[in-house]
Amino acid sequence: MILDDNCQTKPDIVYPCQWGYKIIGRDKAELEQAIIEVMEGRAYTFKDGNHSSKGKFVSMSSRCEVASEEERNAIFKAFSDHTSVKMVI
């Protein structure tokens, strides 16, 4: 389901579920450290992503199980607030 101006309903997410986060920053090692810090105490996976066309940015993906929308949003906010992370998707 794609949320846009034509669709006003939120997707029905059944918790607990696996949820993925794509984080973007300038340094791969710093992004790895951000994932370790944010995911502390959780079982998670992560993998390398892409480099931007000019090599200025790098992305990584991380996945973990979330028990609720509140937990999912808290992890998103923790990534967003991390100094090494420029963007979270």
C-alpha atoms as a PDB file:
ATOM      1  CA  MET A   1       0.000   0.000   0.000  1.00  0.00           C
ATOM      2  CA  ILE A   2       1.275   3.446  -0.887  1.00  0.00           C
ATOM      3  CA  LEU A   3       0.229   6.360   1.290  1.00  0.00           C
ATOM      4  CA  ASP A   4      -0.399   9.452  -0.786  1.00  0.00           C
ATOM      5  CA  ASP A   5      -3.050  12.129  -1.312  1.00  0.00           C
ATOM      6  CA  ASN A   6      -5.363   9.564  -2.918  1.00  0.00           C
ATOM      7  CA  CYS A   7      -5.249   7.080  -0.034  1.00  0.00           C
ATOM      8  CA  GLN A   8      -5.982   8.275   3.484  1.00  0.00           C
ATOM      9  CA  THR A   9      -5.933   4.928   5.318  1.00  0.00           C
ATOM     10  CA  LYS A  10      -2.927   3.710   7.247  1.00  0.00           C
ATOM     11  CA  PRO A  11      -1.686   0.171   6.601  1.00  0.00           C
ATOM     12  CA  ASP A  12      -2.780  -2.448   9.127  1.00  0.00           C
ATOM     13  CA  ILE A  13       0.471  -3.521  10.826  1.00  0.00           C
ATOM     14  CA  VAL A  14       0.241  -6.575  13.070  1.00  0.00           C
ATOM     15  CA  TYR A  15       2.716  -6.489  15.963  1.00  0.00           C
ATOM     16  CA  PRO A  16       5.131  -7.949  16.790  1.00  0.00           C
ATOM     17  CA  CYS A  17       6.727  -7.798  13.353  1.00  0.00           C
ATOM     18  CA  GLN A  18      10.057  -7.336  11.618  1.00  0.00           C
ATOM     19  CA  TRP A  19      10.719  -3.707  10.675  1.00  0.00           C
ATOM     20  CA  GLY A  20      13.480  -2.254   8.554  1.00  0.00           C
ATOM     21  CA  TYR A  21      15.196   1.123   8.718  1.00  0.00           C
ATOM     22  CA  LYS A  22      17.404   2.614   6.028  1.00  0.00           C
ATOM     23  CA  ILE A  23      19.827   5.155   7.419  1.00  0.00           C
ATOM     24  CA  ILE A  24      21.919   7.580   5.420  1.00  0.00           C
ATOM     25  CA  GLY A  25      25.035   9.412   6.530  1.00  0.00           C
ATOM     26  CA  ARG A  26      28.499  10.475   5.463  1.00  0.00           C
ATOM     27  CA  ASP A  27      30.641   7.748   7.030  1.00  0.00           C
ATOM     28  CA  LYS A  28      30.080   3.965   6.969  1.00  0.00           C
ATOM     29  CA  ALA A  29      31.888   3.297  10.255  1.00  0.00           C
ATOM     30  CA  GLU A  30      29.866   6.005  12.015  1.00  0.00           C
ATOM     31  CA  LEU A  31      26.616   4.538  10.666  1.00  0.00           C
ATOM     32  CA  GLU A  32      27.618   1.086  11.917  1.00  0.00           C
ATOM     33  CA  GLN A  33      28.256   2.605  15.357  1.00  0.00           C
ATOM     34  CA  ALA A  34      24.893   4.395  15.247  1.00  0.00           C
ATOM     35  CA  ILE A  35      23.146   1.083  14.544  1.00  0.00           C
ATOM     36  CA  ILE A  36      24.974  -0.583  17.447  1.00  0.00           C
ATOM     37  CA  GLU A  37      23.979   2.249  19.801  1.00  0.00           C
ATOM     38  CA  VAL A  38      20.338   2.514  18.729  1.00  0.00           C
ATOM     39  CA  MET A  39      19.741  -1.238  18.562  1.00  0.00           C
ATOM     40  CA  GLU A  40      21.433  -1.957  21.899  1.00  0.00           C
ATOM     41  CA  GLY A  41      19.628  -4.772  23.714  1.00  0.00           C
ATOM     42  CA  ARG A  42      17.752  -5.929  20.601  1.00  0.00           C
ATOM     43  CA  ALA A  43      18.401  -8.743  18.174  1.00  0.00           C
ATOM     44  CA  TYR A  44      19.013  -7.049  14.829  1.00  0.00           C
ATOM     45  CA  THR A  45      20.649  -7.424  11.445  1.00  0.00           C
ATOM     46  CA  PHE A  46      22.268  -4.834   9.243  1.00  0.00           C
ATOM     47  CA  LYS A  47      23.795  -4.671   5.801  1.00  0.00           C
ATOM     48  CA  ASP A  48      25.613  -2.213   3.602  1.00  0.00           C
ATOM     49  CA  GLY A  49      23.652  -0.129   1.178  1.00  0.00           C
ATOM     50  CA  ASN A  50      24.748   2.167  -1.593  1.00  0.00           C
ATOM     51  CA  HIS A  51      27.051   5.131  -2.020  1.00  0.00           C
ATOM     52  CA  SER A  52      25.710   8.301  -3.586  1.00  0.00           C
ATOM     53  CA  SER A  53      26.790   9.060  -7.141  1.00  0.00           C
ATOM     54  CA  LYS A  54      29.395  11.569  -5.941  1.00  0.00           C
ATOM     55  CA  GLY A  55      30.456   9.411  -2.986  1.00  0.00           C
ATOM     56  CA  LYS A  56      29.328  11.977  -0.437  1.00  0.00           C
ATOM     57  CA  PHE A  57      26.773   9.760   1.325  1.00  0.00           C
ATOM     58  CA  VAL A  58      26.421   6.094   2.221  1.00  0.00           C
ATOM     59  CA  SER A  59      23.366   4.107   3.264  1.00  0.00           C
ATOM     60  CA  MET A  60      22.899   1.059   5.480  1.00  0.00           C
ATOM     61  CA  SER A  61      19.833  -1.003   6.322  1.00  0.00           C
ATOM     62  CA  SER A  62      18.980  -2.443   9.723  1.00  0.00           C
ATOM     63  CA  ARG A  63      16.113  -4.743  10.711  1.00  0.00           C
ATOM     64  CA  CYS A  64      14.720  -5.853  14.067  1.00  0.00           C
ATOM     65  CA  GLU A  65      11.500  -7.075  15.629  1.00  0.00           C
ATOM     66  CA  VAL A  66       9.265  -4.364  17.063  1.00  0.00           C
ATOM     67  CA  ALA A  67       6.487  -5.071  19.530  1.00  0.00           C
ATOM     68  CA  SER A  68       4.409  -1.932  18.962  1.00  0.00           C
ATOM     69  CA  GLU A  69       4.011   1.235  16.939  1.00  0.00           C
ATOM     70  CA  GLU A  70       5.483   3.155  19.864  1.00  0.00           C
ATOM     71  CA  GLU A  71       8.654   1.034  19.819  1.00  0.00           C
ATOM     72  CA  ARG A  72       8.904   1.310  16.028  1.00  0.00           C
ATOM     73  CA  ASN A  73       8.611   5.094  16.217  1.00  0.00           C
ATOM     74  CA  ALA A  74      11.061   5.343  19.134  1.00  0.00           C
ATOM     75  CA  ILE A  75      13.730   3.515  17.115  1.00  0.00           C
ATOM     76  CA  PHE A  76      13.052   5.779  14.137  1.00  0.00           C
ATOM     77  CA  LYS A  77      13.432   8.845  16.377  1.00  0.00           C
ATOM     78  CA  ALA A  78      16.645   7.503  17.925  1.00  0.00           C
ATOM     79  CA  PHE A  79      18.135   7.103  14.449  1.00  0.00           C
ATOM     80  CA  SER A  80      16.849  10.545  13.408  1.00  0.00           C
ATOM     81  CA  ASP A  81      18.388  12.184  16.480  1.00  0.00           C
ATOM     82  CA  HIS A  82      21.790  10.466  16.119  1.00  0.00           C
ATOM     83  CA  THR A  83      24.510  12.901  15.069  1.00  0.00           C
ATOM     84  CA  SER A  84      25.953  10.517  12.450  1.00  0.00           C
ATOM     85  CA  VAL A  85      22.630   9.981  10.683  1.00  0.00           C
ATOM     86  CA  LYS A  86      21.527  12.519   8.096  1.00  0.00           C
ATOM     87  CA  MET A  87      18.266  10.775   7.081  1.00  0.00           C
ATOM     88  CA  VAL A  88      16.138   7.761   8.058  1.00  0.00           C
ATOM     89  CA  ILE A  89      13.702   6.031   5.744  1.00  0.00           C
END
